[in-house]
C-alpha atoms as a PDB file:
ATOM      1  CA  MET A   1      -0.018  -0.088   0.029  1.00  0.00           C
ATOM      2  CA  LEU A   2       1.431   3.305  -0.916  1.00  0.00           C
ATOM      3  CA  ALA A   3       2.245   5.869   1.764  1.00  0.00           C
ATOM      4  CA  GLN A   4      -0.697   8.312   0.826  1.00  0.00           C
ATOM      5  CA  GLU A   5      -3.255   5.434   0.875  1.00  0.00           C
ATOM      6  CA  LYS A   6      -2.642   4.669   4.656  1.00  0.00           C
ATOM      7  CA  LEU A   7      -5.000   5.680   7.345  1.00  0.00           C
ATOM      8  CA  ARG A   8      -3.152   7.901   9.837  1.00  0.00           C
ATOM      9  CA  ALA A   9      -4.070   9.445  13.147  1.00  0.00           C
ATOM     10  CA  GLY A  10      -4.454  13.294  13.142  1.00  0.00           C
ATOM     11  CA  ARG A  11      -1.246  13.859  14.933  1.00  0.00           C
ATOM     12  CA  ASN A  12       0.809  11.555  12.587  1.00  0.00           C
ATOM     13  CA  ARG A  13       3.596  13.796  10.875  1.00  0.00           C
ATOM     14  CA  THR A  14       4.977  11.027   8.693  1.00  0.00           C
ATOM     15  CA  LEU A  15       5.905  12.502   5.345  1.00  0.00           C
ATOM     16  CA  ALA A  16       3.788  11.023   2.581  1.00  0.00           C
ATOM     17  CA  LEU A  17       3.618  12.103  -1.069  1.00  0.00           C
ATOM     18  CA  SER A  18       0.721  12.410  -3.387  1.00  0.00           C
ATOM     19  CA  GLU A  19       0.822  11.061  -7.002  1.00  0.00           C
ATOM     20  CA  ALA A  20       1.183  14.609  -8.253  1.00  0.00           C
ATOM     21  CA  GLU A  21       4.061  15.344  -5.934  1.00  0.00           C
ATOM     22  CA  LYS A  22       5.784  12.063  -7.128  1.00  0.00           C
ATOM     23  CA  THR A  23       5.336  13.121 -10.693  1.00  0.00           C
ATOM     24  CA  ARG A  24       6.908  16.542 -10.053  1.00  0.00           C
ATOM     25  CA  LEU A  25       9.648  15.352  -7.885  1.00  0.00           C
ATOM     26  CA  THR A  26      10.694  12.540 -10.315  1.00  0.00           C
ATOM     27  CA  ARG A  27      11.622  15.236 -12.729  1.00  0.00           C
ATOM     28  CA  SER A  28      14.248  16.621 -10.307  1.00  0.00           C
ATOM     29  CA  LEU A  29      16.033  13.224 -10.025  1.00  0.00           C
ATOM     30  CA  ILE A  30      19.362  12.341 -11.931  1.00  0.00           C
ATOM     31  CA  ARG A  31      18.155   9.383 -13.952  1.00  0.00           C
ATOM     32  CA  CYS A  32      20.049   9.020 -17.203  1.00  0.00           C
ATOM     33  CA  PRO A  33      23.859   7.895 -17.046  1.00  0.00           C
ATOM     34  CA  PRO A  34      26.245  10.339 -19.049  1.00  0.00           C
ATOM     35  CA  LYS A  35      27.894   9.226 -22.097  1.00  0.00           C
ATOM     36  CA  GLN A  36      31.387   9.336 -20.459  1.00  0.00           C
ATOM     37  CA  ARG A  37      32.718   9.648 -16.972  1.00  0.00           C
ATOM     38  CA  LEU A  38      31.756  12.918 -15.120  1.00  0.00           C
ATOM     39  CA  LEU A  39      34.543  15.375 -14.261  1.00  0.00           C
ATOM     40  CA  GLU A  40      32.744  16.858 -11.344  1.00  0.00           C
ATOM     41  CA  ALA A  41      30.427  15.054  -8.961  1.00  0.00           C
ATOM     42  CA  PRO A  42      26.722  16.247  -9.220  1.00  0.00           C
ATOM     43  CA  THR A  43      24.600  17.429  -6.325  1.00  0.00           C
ATOM     44  CA  GLY A  44      21.320  15.686  -5.777  1.00  0.00           C
ATOM     45  CA  THR A  45      19.720  12.382  -5.820  1.00  0.00           C
ATOM     46  CA  ILE A  46      20.305   9.572  -8.486  1.00  0.00           C
ATOM     47  CA  TYR A  47      17.733   7.121  -9.268  1.00  0.00           C
ATOM     48  CA  GLY A  48      19.630   3.869 -10.137  1.00  0.00           C
ATOM     49  CA  ASP A  49      21.995   1.115  -8.723  1.00  0.00           C
ATOM     50  CA  CYS A  50      25.158   2.476  -7.215  1.00  0.00           C
ATOM     51  CA  ARG A  51      27.247  -0.229  -8.833  1.00  0.00           C
ATOM     52  CA  GLU A  52      26.247   0.835 -12.236  1.00  0.00           C
ATOM     53  CA  TRP A  53      26.563   4.457 -11.514  1.00  0.00           C
ATOM     54  CA  ALA A  54      30.001   4.247  -9.977  1.00  0.00           C
ATOM     55  CA  ARG A  55      31.792   3.974 -13.429  1.00  0.00           C
ATOM     56  CA  TRP A  56      30.104   7.296 -14.380  1.00  0.00           C
ATOM     57  CA  LEU A  57      31.029   9.270 -11.368  1.00  0.00           C
ATOM     58  CA  PRO A  58      34.394  11.070 -10.910  1.00  0.00           C
ATOM     59  CA  GLN A  59      37.069   9.301  -9.033  1.00  0.00           C
ATOM     60  CA  ALA A  60      38.679  10.632  -5.860  1.00  0.00           C
ATOM     61  CA  GLN A  61      36.085  13.293  -5.025  1.00  0.00           C
ATOM     62  CA  VAL A  62      34.187  11.925  -2.081  1.00  0.00           C
ATOM     63  CA  ASP A  63      35.161  13.154   1.421  1.00  0.00           C
ATOM     64  CA  LEU A  64      32.740  11.093   3.350  1.00  0.00           C
ATOM     65  CA  LEU A  65      31.180   7.843   2.475  1.00  0.00           C
ATOM     66  CA  PHE A  66      28.039   6.724   4.588  1.00  0.00           C
ATOM     67  CA  LEU A  67      27.407   3.060   3.513  1.00  0.00           C
ATOM     68  CA  ASP A  68      24.210   1.693   4.870  1.00  0.00           C
ATOM     69  CA  PRO A  69      23.376  -1.432   2.751  1.00  0.00           C
ATOM     70  CA  PRO A  70      20.677  -3.960   3.568  1.00  0.00           C
ATOM     71  CA  TYR A  71      21.770  -6.019   6.574  1.00  0.00           C
ATOM     72  CA  ASN A  72      22.018  -9.722   6.118  1.00  0.00           C
ATOM     73  CA  LEU A  73      18.258 -10.039   7.008  1.00  0.00           C
ATOM     74  CA  SER A  74      15.185 -11.063   4.819  1.00  0.00           C
ATOM     75  CA  LYS A  75      13.423  -7.734   4.632  1.00  0.00           C
ATOM     76  CA  CYS A  76      11.029  -6.015   2.128  1.00  0.00           C
ATOM     77  CA  PHE A  77      11.774  -2.359   0.888  1.00  0.00           C
ATOM     78  CA  ASN A  78       8.704  -1.056  -0.657  1.00  0.00           C
ATOM     79  CA  GLY A  79       8.052  -4.369  -2.471  1.00  0.00           C
ATOM     80  CA  LYS A  80      11.624  -5.212  -3.216  1.00  0.00           C
ATOM     81  CA  GLN A  81      12.831  -8.211  -1.152  1.00  0.00           C
ATOM     82  CA  PHE A  82      16.398  -8.601   0.170  1.00  0.00           C
ATOM     83  CA  THR A  83      16.944 -12.228   1.156  1.00  0.00           C
ATOM     84  CA  LYS A  84      19.232 -13.371   3.924  1.00  0.00           C
ATOM     85  CA  ARG A  85      22.149 -15.290   2.653  1.00  0.00           C
ATOM     86  CA  GLY A  86      25.129 -17.149   3.911  1.00  0.00           C
ATOM     87  CA  THR A  87      27.763 -15.287   5.926  1.00  0.00           C
ATOM     88  CA  LYS A  88      30.487 -15.834   3.241  1.00  0.00           C
ATOM     89  CA  GLU A  89      28.051 -15.026   0.383  1.00  0.00           C
ATOM     90  CA  TYR A  90      27.095 -11.648   2.262  1.00  0.00           C
ATOM     91  CA  ALA A  91      30.580 -10.846   2.749  1.00  0.00           C
ATOM     92  CA  ALA A  92      31.420 -11.351  -0.969  1.00  0.00           C
ATOM     93  CA  TRP A  93      28.366  -9.222  -1.841  1.00  0.00           C
ATOM     94  CA  LEU A  94      29.452  -6.326   0.452  1.00  0.00           C
ATOM     95  CA  GLY A  95      33.156  -6.596  -0.754  1.00  0.00           C
ATOM     96  CA  ASP A  96      31.975  -6.167  -4.375  1.00  0.00           C
ATOM     97  CA  ILE A  97      30.251  -3.047  -3.359  1.00  0.00           C
ATOM     98  CA  ILE A  98      33.147  -1.587  -1.471  1.00  0.00           C
ATOM     99  CA  ALA A  99      35.607  -2.379  -4.344  1.00  0.00           C
ATOM    100  CA  THR A 100      33.320  -0.590  -6.785  1.00  0.00           C
ATOM    101  CA  LEU A 101      32.853   2.448  -4.712  1.00  0.00           C
ATOM    102  CA  LYS A 102      36.495   3.005  -3.302  1.00  0.00           C
ATOM    103  CA  PRO A 103      37.970   4.643  -6.399  1.00  0.00           C
ATOM    104  CA  LEU A 104      35.355   7.459  -5.735  1.00  0.00           C
ATOM    105  CA  LEU A 105      37.024   8.304  -2.492  1.00  0.00           C
ATOM    106  CA  LYS A 106      39.764  10.784  -1.641  1.00  0.00           C
ATOM    107  CA  GLN A 107      42.793   9.613   0.216  1.00  0.00           C
ATOM    108  CA  THR A 108      41.698  11.623   3.030  1.00  0.00           C
ATOM    109  CA  ALA A 109      38.154  10.213   3.000  1.00  0.00           C
ATOM    110  CA  SER A 110      36.338   8.753   5.984  1.00  0.00           C
ATOM    111  CA  VAL A 111      33.967   5.780   5.737  1.00  0.00           C
ATOM    112  CA  TYR A 112      31.123   4.675   7.965  1.00  0.00           C
ATOM    113  CA  ILE A 113      29.609   1.245   7.349  1.00  0.00           C
ATOM    114  CA  CYS A 114      26.303   0.291   9.286  1.00  0.00           C
ATOM    115  CA  GLY A 115      25.249  -3.166  10.392  1.00  0.00           C
ATOM    116  CA  ASP A 116      23.851  -5.286  13.110  1.00  0.00           C
ATOM    117  CA  TRP A 117      25.483  -7.952  15.435  1.00  0.00           C
ATOM    118  CA  LEU A 118      25.273 -10.497  12.703  1.00  0.00           C
ATOM    119  CA  THR A 119      26.645  -8.444   9.778  1.00  0.00           C
ATOM    120  CA  SER A 120      29.455  -6.901  11.906  1.00  0.00           C
ATOM    121  CA  HIS A 121      31.693  -9.755  11.423  1.00  0.00           C
ATOM    122  CA  SER A 122      31.415  -9.592   7.692  1.00  0.00           C
ATOM    123  CA  ILE A 123      31.771  -5.758   7.775  1.00  0.00           C
ATOM    124  CA  TYR A 124      35.097  -6.107   9.617  1.00  0.00           C
ATOM    125  CA  GLU A 125      36.423  -8.887   7.514  1.00  0.00           C
ATOM    126  CA  VAL A 126      35.708  -6.983   4.314  1.00  0.00           C
ATOM    127  CA  ALA A 127      36.433  -3.442   5.421  1.00  0.00           C
ATOM    128  CA  SER A 128      39.796  -4.343   6.855  1.00  0.00           C
ATOM    129  CA  ASP A 129      40.959  -5.388   3.309  1.00  0.00           C
ATOM    130  CA  TYR A 130      40.267  -1.895   1.936  1.00  0.00           C
ATOM    131  CA  PHE A 131      40.433   0.676   4.730  1.00  0.00           C
ATOM    132  CA  VAL A 132      41.989   1.411   8.025  1.00  0.00           C
ATOM    133  CA  ILE A 133      39.482   0.525  10.708  1.00  0.00           C
ATOM    134  CA  ARG A 134      39.397   3.240  13.488  1.00  0.00           C
ATOM    135  CA  ASN A 135      36.681   2.058  15.667  1.00  0.00           C
ATOM    136  CA  ARG A 136      33.202   0.479  16.066  1.00  0.00           C
ATOM    137  CA  ILE A 137      30.270   2.708  17.162  1.00  0.00           C
ATOM    138  CA  THR A 138      27.466   0.770  18.917  1.00  0.00           C
ATOM    139  CA  TRP A 139      24.184   2.878  19.139  1.00  0.00           C
ATOM    140  CA  GLU A 140      21.068   1.808  21.105  1.00  0.00           C
ATOM    141  CA  ARG A 141      17.845   1.253  19.343  1.00  0.00           C
ATOM    142  CA  GLU A 142      15.264   2.070  22.049  1.00  0.00           C
ATOM    143  CA  LYS A 143      12.826   0.034  20.028  1.00  0.00           C
ATOM    144  CA  GLY A 144      12.999  -3.728  19.301  1.00  0.00           C
ATOM    145  CA  ARG A 145      10.843  -6.789  19.624  1.00  0.00           C
ATOM    146  CA  GLY A 146      11.380  -9.112  22.503  1.00  0.00           C
ATOM    147  CA  ALA A 147      12.390 -12.734  22.358  1.00  0.00           C
ATOM    148  CA  LEU A 148      11.370 -15.697  24.432  1.00  0.00           C
ATOM    149  CA  ASN A 149      14.586 -17.600  23.966  1.00  0.00           C
ATOM    150  CA  ASN A 150      17.043 -14.923  23.192  1.00  0.00           C
ATOM    151  CA  TYR A 151      18.066 -11.292  24.188  1.00  0.00           C
ATOM    152  CA  LYS A 152      16.256  -8.553  22.445  1.00  0.00           C
ATOM    153  CA  ASN A 153      18.180  -6.952  19.494  1.00  0.00           C
ATOM    154  CA  ALA A 154      18.371  -3.330  20.765  1.00  0.00           C
ATOM    155  CA  SER A 155      21.556  -1.962  19.204  1.00  0.00           C
ATOM    156  CA  GLU A 156      23.320  -1.572  15.851  1.00  0.00           C
ATOM    157  CA  ASP A 157      26.931  -1.007  14.862  1.00  0.00           C
ATOM    158  CA  ILE A 158      28.655   1.557  12.660  1.00  0.00           C
ATOM    159  CA  TRP A 159      32.114   0.805  11.736  1.00  0.00           C
ATOM    160  CA  PHE A 160      34.394   3.909  11.416  1.00  0.00           C
ATOM    161  CA  CYS A 161      37.082   3.606   8.778  1.00  0.00           C
ATOM    162  CA  THR A 162      39.417   5.763   6.831  1.00  0.00           C
ATOM    163  CA  VAL A 163      41.184   5.461   3.518  1.00  0.00           C
ATOM    164  CA  GLY A 164      44.484   6.467   5.046  1.00  0.00           C
ATOM    165  CA  ASP A 165      46.163   8.109   8.048  1.00  0.00           C
ATOM    166  CA  ASP A 166      45.361  11.556   7.081  1.00  0.00           C
ATOM    167  CA  TYR A 167      41.697  12.258   7.736  1.00  0.00           C
ATOM    168  CA  THR A 168      39.214  14.714   9.204  1.00  0.00           C
ATOM    169  CA  PHE A 169      37.962  14.208  12.814  1.00  0.00           C
ATOM    170  CA  ASN A 170      36.314  17.465  14.439  1.00  0.00           C
ATOM    171  CA  VAL A 171      35.962  16.277  18.026  1.00  0.00           C
ATOM    172  CA  SER A 172      35.024  19.649  19.235  1.00  0.00           C
ATOM    173  CA  ALA A 173      31.922  19.520  16.914  1.00  0.00           C
ATOM    174  CA  VAL A 174      30.330  16.428  18.424  1.00  0.00           C
ATOM    175  CA  LYS A 175      30.486  16.803  22.071  1.00  0.00           C
ATOM    176  CA  LEU A 176      27.680  15.421  24.115  1.00  0.00           C
ATOM    177  CA  ARG A 177      26.035  17.499  26.790  1.00  0.00           C
ATOM    178  CA  ARG A 178      25.208  15.262  29.736  1.00  0.00           C
ATOM    179  CA  ARG A 179      23.369  15.858  33.023  1.00  0.00           C
ATOM    180  CA  VAL A 180      25.789  15.916  35.955  1.00  0.00           C
ATOM    181  CA  ILE A 181      24.394  14.045  38.892  1.00  0.00           C
ATOM    182  CA  ALA A 182      27.155  14.297  41.375  1.00  0.00           C
ATOM    183  CA  PRO A 183      29.260  17.210  40.311  1.00  0.00           C
ATOM    184  CA  TYR A 184      32.870  17.910  41.566  1.00  0.00           C
ATOM    185  CA  THR A 185      33.746  21.430  42.669  1.00  0.00           C
ATOM    186  CA  HIS A 186      36.956  23.351  43.415  1.00  0.00           C
ATOM    187  CA  ASP A 187      37.757  24.317  46.951  1.00  0.00           C
ATOM    188  CA  ASN A 188      35.916  27.688  46.408  1.00  0.00           C
ATOM    189  CA  GLY A 189      32.658  25.770  45.234  1.00  0.00           C
ATOM    190  CA  ALA A 190      33.168  26.642  41.614  1.00  0.00           C
ATOM    191  CA  PRO A 191      32.219  23.961  39.053  1.00  0.00           C
ATOM    192  CA  LYS A 192      34.852  21.556  37.933  1.00  0.00           C
ATOM    193  CA  ASP A 193      34.654  20.814  34.239  1.00  0.00           C
ATOM    194  CA  TRP A 194      30.771  21.360  34.293  1.00  0.00           C
ATOM    195  CA  GLN A 195      28.268  24.156  34.029  1.00  0.00           C
ATOM    196  CA  ARG A 196      25.692  25.297  36.621  1.00  0.00           C
ATOM    197  CA  THR A 197      22.332  26.520  35.029  1.00  0.00           C
ATOM    198  CA  SER A 198      18.881  27.351  36.507  1.00  0.00           C
ATOM    199  CA  THR A 199      17.717  24.176  34.765  1.00  0.00           C
ATOM    200  CA  GLY A 200      20.366  21.718  36.076  1.00  0.00           C
ATOM    201  CA  ASN A 201      24.021  20.767  35.972  1.00  0.00           C
ATOM    202  CA  PHE A 202      25.655  19.696  32.599  1.00  0.00           C
ATOM    203  CA  ARG A 203      28.902  18.751  31.216  1.00  0.00           C
ATOM    204  CA  ASP A 204      30.142  18.611  27.636  1.00  0.00           C
ATOM    205  CA  THR A 205      31.918  15.218  27.098  1.00  0.00           C
ATOM    206  CA  HIS A 206      34.050  13.953  24.317  1.00  0.00           C
ATOM    207  CA  PRO A 207      32.134  11.563  21.989  1.00  0.00           C
ATOM    208  CA  SER A 208      32.549   7.907  22.815  1.00  0.00           C
ATOM    209  CA  ASN A 209      31.896   4.793  20.705  1.00  0.00           C
ATOM    210  CA  LEU A 210      28.502   4.004  22.678  1.00  0.00           C
ATOM    211  CA  TRP A 211      25.650   6.140  21.791  1.00  0.00           C
ATOM    212  CA  THR A 212      22.541   6.062  24.057  1.00  0.00           C
ATOM    213  CA  ASP A 213      20.990   9.312  22.828  1.00  0.00           C
ATOM    214  CA  ILE A 214      19.552   8.471  19.521  1.00  0.00           C
ATOM    215  CA  THR A 215      15.796   8.505  18.854  1.00  0.00           C
ATOM    216  CA  ILE A 216      14.595   6.425  15.996  1.00  0.00           C
ATOM    217  CA  PRO A 217      12.275   8.393  13.696  1.00  0.00           C
ATOM    218  CA  PHE A 218       8.524   7.669  14.582  1.00  0.00           C
ATOM    219  CA  TRP A 219       5.066   8.958  13.632  1.00  0.00           C
ATOM    220  CA  SER A 220       5.175  12.158  15.647  1.00  0.00           C
ATOM    221  CA  MET A 221       8.487  13.220  14.176  1.00  0.00           C
ATOM    222  CA  PRO A 222       8.458  15.480  10.895  1.00  0.00           C
ATOM    223  CA  GLU A 223      11.505  13.770   9.523  1.00  0.00           C
ATOM    224  CA  ASN A 224       9.691  10.299   9.720  1.00  0.00           C
ATOM    225  CA  THR A 225       8.849   8.470   6.479  1.00  0.00           C
ATOM    226  CA  ASP A 226       7.602   4.843   5.735  1.00  0.00           C
ATOM    227  CA  HIS A 227      11.134   3.570   4.996  1.00  0.00           C
ATOM    228  CA  PRO A 228      11.523   0.543   7.236  1.00  0.00           C
ATOM    229  CA  THR A 229      15.131   1.190   8.314  1.00  0.00           C
ATOM    230  CA  GLN A 230      15.381   5.010   8.330  1.00  0.00           C
ATOM    231  CA  LYS A 231      18.228   6.424  10.257  1.00  0.00           C
ATOM    232  CA  SER A 232      17.746   9.589  12.409  1.00  0.00           C
ATOM    233  CA  GLU A 233      18.959  12.999  11.380  1.00  0.00           C
ATOM    234  CA  LYS A 234      20.744  13.241  14.783  1.00  0.00           C
ATOM    235  CA  LEU A 235      22.743  10.169  14.087  1.00  0.00           C
ATOM    236  CA  LEU A 236      23.928  11.229  10.725  1.00  0.00           C
ATOM    237  CA  ALA A 237      24.657  14.820  12.005  1.00  0.00           C
ATOM    238  CA  LYS A 238      27.277  13.296  14.342  1.00  0.00           C
ATOM    239  CA  LEU A 239      29.044  11.493  11.691  1.00  0.00           C
ATOM    240  CA  VAL A 240      28.882  14.384   9.086  1.00  0.00           C
ATOM    241  CA  LEU A 241      30.174  17.021  11.701  1.00  0.00           C
ATOM    242  CA  ALA A 242      32.896  14.736  12.915  1.00  0.00           C
ATOM    243  CA  SER A 243      34.260  13.581   9.620  1.00  0.00           C
ATOM    244  CA  SER A 244      33.772  16.328   7.124  1.00  0.00           C
ATOM    245  CA  ASN A 245      34.070  20.161   6.735  1.00  0.00           C
ATOM    246  CA  PRO A 246      31.727  22.575   5.206  1.00  0.00           C
ATOM    247  CA  GLY A 247      31.833  22.331   1.331  1.00  0.00           C
ATOM    248  CA  ASP A 248      32.998  18.686   1.540  1.00  0.00           C
ATOM    249  CA  LEU A 249      31.144  16.106  -0.504  1.00  0.00           C
ATOM    250  CA  VAL A 250      29.110  13.534   1.371  1.00  0.00           C
ATOM    251  CA  PHE A 251      28.138  10.480  -0.553  1.00  0.00           C
ATOM    252  CA  ASP A 252      25.447   7.832   0.351  1.00  0.00           C
ATOM    253  CA  PRO A 253      24.960   5.014  -2.242  1.00  0.00           C
ATOM    254  CA  PHE A 254      22.056   3.387  -0.392  1.00  0.00           C
ATOM    255  CA  LEU A 255      20.212   6.540   0.229  1.00  0.00           C
ATOM    256  CA  GLY A 256      16.714   5.340   1.261  1.00  0.00           C
ATOM    257  CA  SER A 257      14.538   8.255   2.139  1.00  0.00           C
ATOM    258  CA  GLY A 258      17.291  10.731   2.012  1.00  0.00           C
ATOM    259  CA  THR A 259      18.469  11.409   5.557  1.00  0.00           C
ATOM    260  CA  THR A 260      22.138  11.561   4.719  1.00  0.00           C
ATOM    261  CA  SER A 261      21.717  14.127   1.924  1.00  0.00           C
ATOM    262  CA  VAL A 262      19.264  16.212   4.093  1.00  0.00           C
ATOM    263  CA  VAL A 263      21.676  16.412   6.971  1.00  0.00           C
ATOM    264  CA  ALA A 264      24.514  17.232   4.764  1.00  0.00           C
ATOM    265  CA  LYS A 265      22.403  19.964   3.177  1.00  0.00           C
ATOM    266  CA  LYS A 266      21.578  21.374   6.596  1.00  0.00           C
ATOM    267  CA  LEU A 267      25.158  21.409   7.680  1.00  0.00           C
ATOM    268  CA  GLY A 268      26.529  23.116   4.652  1.00  0.00           C
ATOM    269  CA  ARG A 269      28.158  20.122   2.858  1.00  0.00           C
ATOM    270  CA  ARG A 270      27.649  19.005  -0.772  1.00  0.00           C
ATOM    271  CA  TYR A 271      25.717  15.853  -1.059  1.00  0.00           C
ATOM    272  CA  LEU A 272      25.081  12.980  -3.513  1.00  0.00           C
ATOM    273  CA  GLY A 273      22.845  10.003  -2.927  1.00  0.00           C
ATOM    274  CA  ILE A 274      21.851   6.950  -4.968  1.00  0.00           C
ATOM    275  CA  GLU A 275      18.711   5.032  -4.487  1.00  0.00           C
ATOM    276  CA  GLU A 276      17.173   2.305  -6.660  1.00  0.00           C
ATOM    277  CA  ASP A 277      13.632   2.738  -5.448  1.00  0.00           C
ATOM    278  CA  LEU A 278      11.719   5.644  -7.250  1.00  0.00           C
ATOM    279  CA  GLU A 279       9.372   6.308  -4.321  1.00  0.00           C
ATOM    280  CA  TYR A 280      12.241   6.614  -1.749  1.00  0.00           C
ATOM    281  CA  CYS A 281      14.068   8.917  -4.260  1.00  0.00           C
ATOM    282  CA  CYS A 282      10.999  11.149  -4.272  1.00  0.00           C
ATOM    283  CA  LEU A 283      10.805  11.205  -0.496  1.00  0.00           C
ATOM    284  CA  ALA A 284      14.451  12.180  -0.473  1.00  0.00           C
ATOM    285  CA  ALA A 285      13.890  15.093  -3.006  1.00  0.00           C
ATOM    286  CA  ARG A 286      10.938  16.360  -0.979  1.00  0.00           C
ATOM    287  CA  ARG A 287      12.940  16.272   2.275  1.00  0.00           C
ATOM    288  CA  LEU A 288      15.682  18.134   0.579  1.00  0.00           C
ATOM    289  CA  GLU A 289      13.079  20.805  -0.539  1.00  0.00           C
ATOM    290  CA  ILE A 290      11.754  21.048   3.008  1.00  0.00           C
ATOM    291  CA  ALA A 291      15.349  21.511   4.276  1.00  0.00           C
ATOM    292  CA  GLU A 292      15.701  24.754   2.185  1.00  0.00           C
ATOM    293  CA  GLY A 293      13.789  26.615   4.954  1.00  0.00           C
ATOM    294  CA  LYS A 294      14.186  24.223   7.989  1.00  0.00           C
ATOM    295  CA  LYS A 295      17.731  23.646   9.167  1.00  0.00           C
ATOM    296  CA  ASP A 296      16.813  22.170  12.710  1.00  0.00           C
ATOM    297  CA  ILE A 297      18.206  18.836  13.724  1.00  0.00           C
ATOM    298  CA  GLN A 298      16.622  17.212  16.642  1.00  0.00           C
ATOM    299  CA  GLY A 299      18.951  17.214  19.872  1.00  0.00           C
ATOM    300  CA  LEU A 300      21.519  19.326  18.180  1.00  0.00           C
ATOM    301  CA  ALA A 301      21.672  22.992  19.665  1.00  0.00           C
ATOM    302  CA  GLU A 302      24.206  25.562  20.981  1.00  0.00           C
ATOM    303  CA  GLY A 303      26.987  23.479  19.102  1.00  0.00           C
ATOM    304  CA  VAL A 304      26.517  20.461  21.119  1.00  0.00           C
ATOM    305  CA  PHE A 305      24.436  17.205  21.097  1.00  0.00           C
ATOM    306  CA  TRP A 306      22.091  16.721  24.051  1.00  0.00           C
ATOM    307  CA  GLU A 307      21.059  13.520  25.913  1.00  0.00           C
ATOM    308  CA  ARG A 308      17.693  12.260  24.714  1.00  0.00           C
ATOM    309  CA  ASN A 309      14.812  14.467  26.394  1.00  0.00           C
ATOM    310  CA  SER A 310      17.352  16.811  28.302  1.00  0.00           C
ATOM    311  CA  LEU A 311      16.827  19.663  25.642  1.00  0.00           C
ATOM    312  CA  SER A 312      13.234  19.983  26.822  1.00  0.00           C
ATOM    313  CA  VAL A 313      14.338  21.912  29.991  1.00  0.00           C
ATOM    314  CA  GLN A 314      16.210  24.660  28.164  1.00  0.00           C
ATOM    315  CA  LYS A 315      14.587  27.952  27.840  1.00  0.00           C
ATOM    316  CA  LYS A 316      16.888  28.927  24.935  1.00  0.00           C
ATOM    317  CA  ALA A 317      15.257  26.444  22.520  1.00  0.00           C
ATOM    318  CA  THR A 318      12.897  27.833  19.991  1.00  0.00           C
ATOM    319  CA  THR A 319      10.491  25.191  18.704  1.00  0.00           C
ATOM    320  CA  GLN A 320       8.641  22.244  20.607  1.00  0.00           C
ATOM    321  CA  ASP A 321       8.191  18.944  19.061  1.00  0.00           C
ATOM    322  CA  THR A 322       5.503  16.470  20.008  1.00  0.00           C
ATOM    323  CA  ASP A 323       7.863  13.916  21.458  1.00  0.00           C
ATOM    324  CA  GLY A 324       9.077  16.385  24.099  1.00  0.00           C
ATOM    325  CA  ASP A 325      12.434  17.366  22.770  1.00  0.00           C
ATOM    326  CA  LEU A 326      13.154  20.851  21.768  1.00  0.00           C
ATOM    327  CA  PHE A 327      14.875  22.203  18.759  1.00  0.00           C
ATOM    328  CA  ALA A 328      17.192  25.256  18.197  1.00  0.00           C
ATOM    329  CA  THR A 329      18.545  26.408  14.949  1.00  0.00           C
ATOM    330  CA  LYS A 330      21.961  25.582  14.247  1.00  0.00           C
END
């Protein structure tokens, strides 16, 4: 069933497109491959297969690659089925994609590869053949189905890699503001590495590889779509700010509903995404239009990321969202 045909509650803010909007937005997509390899990377959304388009895109121009391929699970994406396969077969499939895309990367590029507990082994095995693996980020999915005979899957992994030893990492741009429960003070009572405010005590901490502050998009959030594995703008904002600079090119070859491109646009980066489902391409194009006038990213304000729900106590925030978090324009 198409998104616009679904019955939704009155407060549901999930983005859906009419047939007229799809027709209009389809015209804005990059659809036809050029006759020869491009000299400059385009900006926008390509409708097609990333492995086919890779031969037409310019080499050594991507600063940040966000790779979020289907995990090794049987899952349906708007009628297209991805079927779980053997571990070795999945690793070979992923290796083919990485080998195809690597020539597009600068020598100073960073790469983030998404997976779950099962695919992480394959990701490490394949990525270590092509990149320098720097870390593995584990982020908490507060949603998840319980199991009677196993632990509930409530986390996913993102492998942080670089092409070489010269790469961008803006640590000061991705600090996390945490509540301070038992603050240390100097002998004179002054705060020690934390801030005292009228709404609580907070400390700006360096980013770790364990993220517990990510909210998965859901029905009351304006960034939500019907894509089954949509990543949140806050999650992508951390990666984009840490591993790119304004004007850099951010590339997502499995764009889905467009979160990577939207965040890159909001943060002043160039963006290019490839998606093989036309409806998801149109959703990405519409979200990019909306981003022209709305630069807010949930949980990012005053130059720091905030713990989930902690932003709601700050009087400086400007706009209230229905899930209780507040937003301030970056």
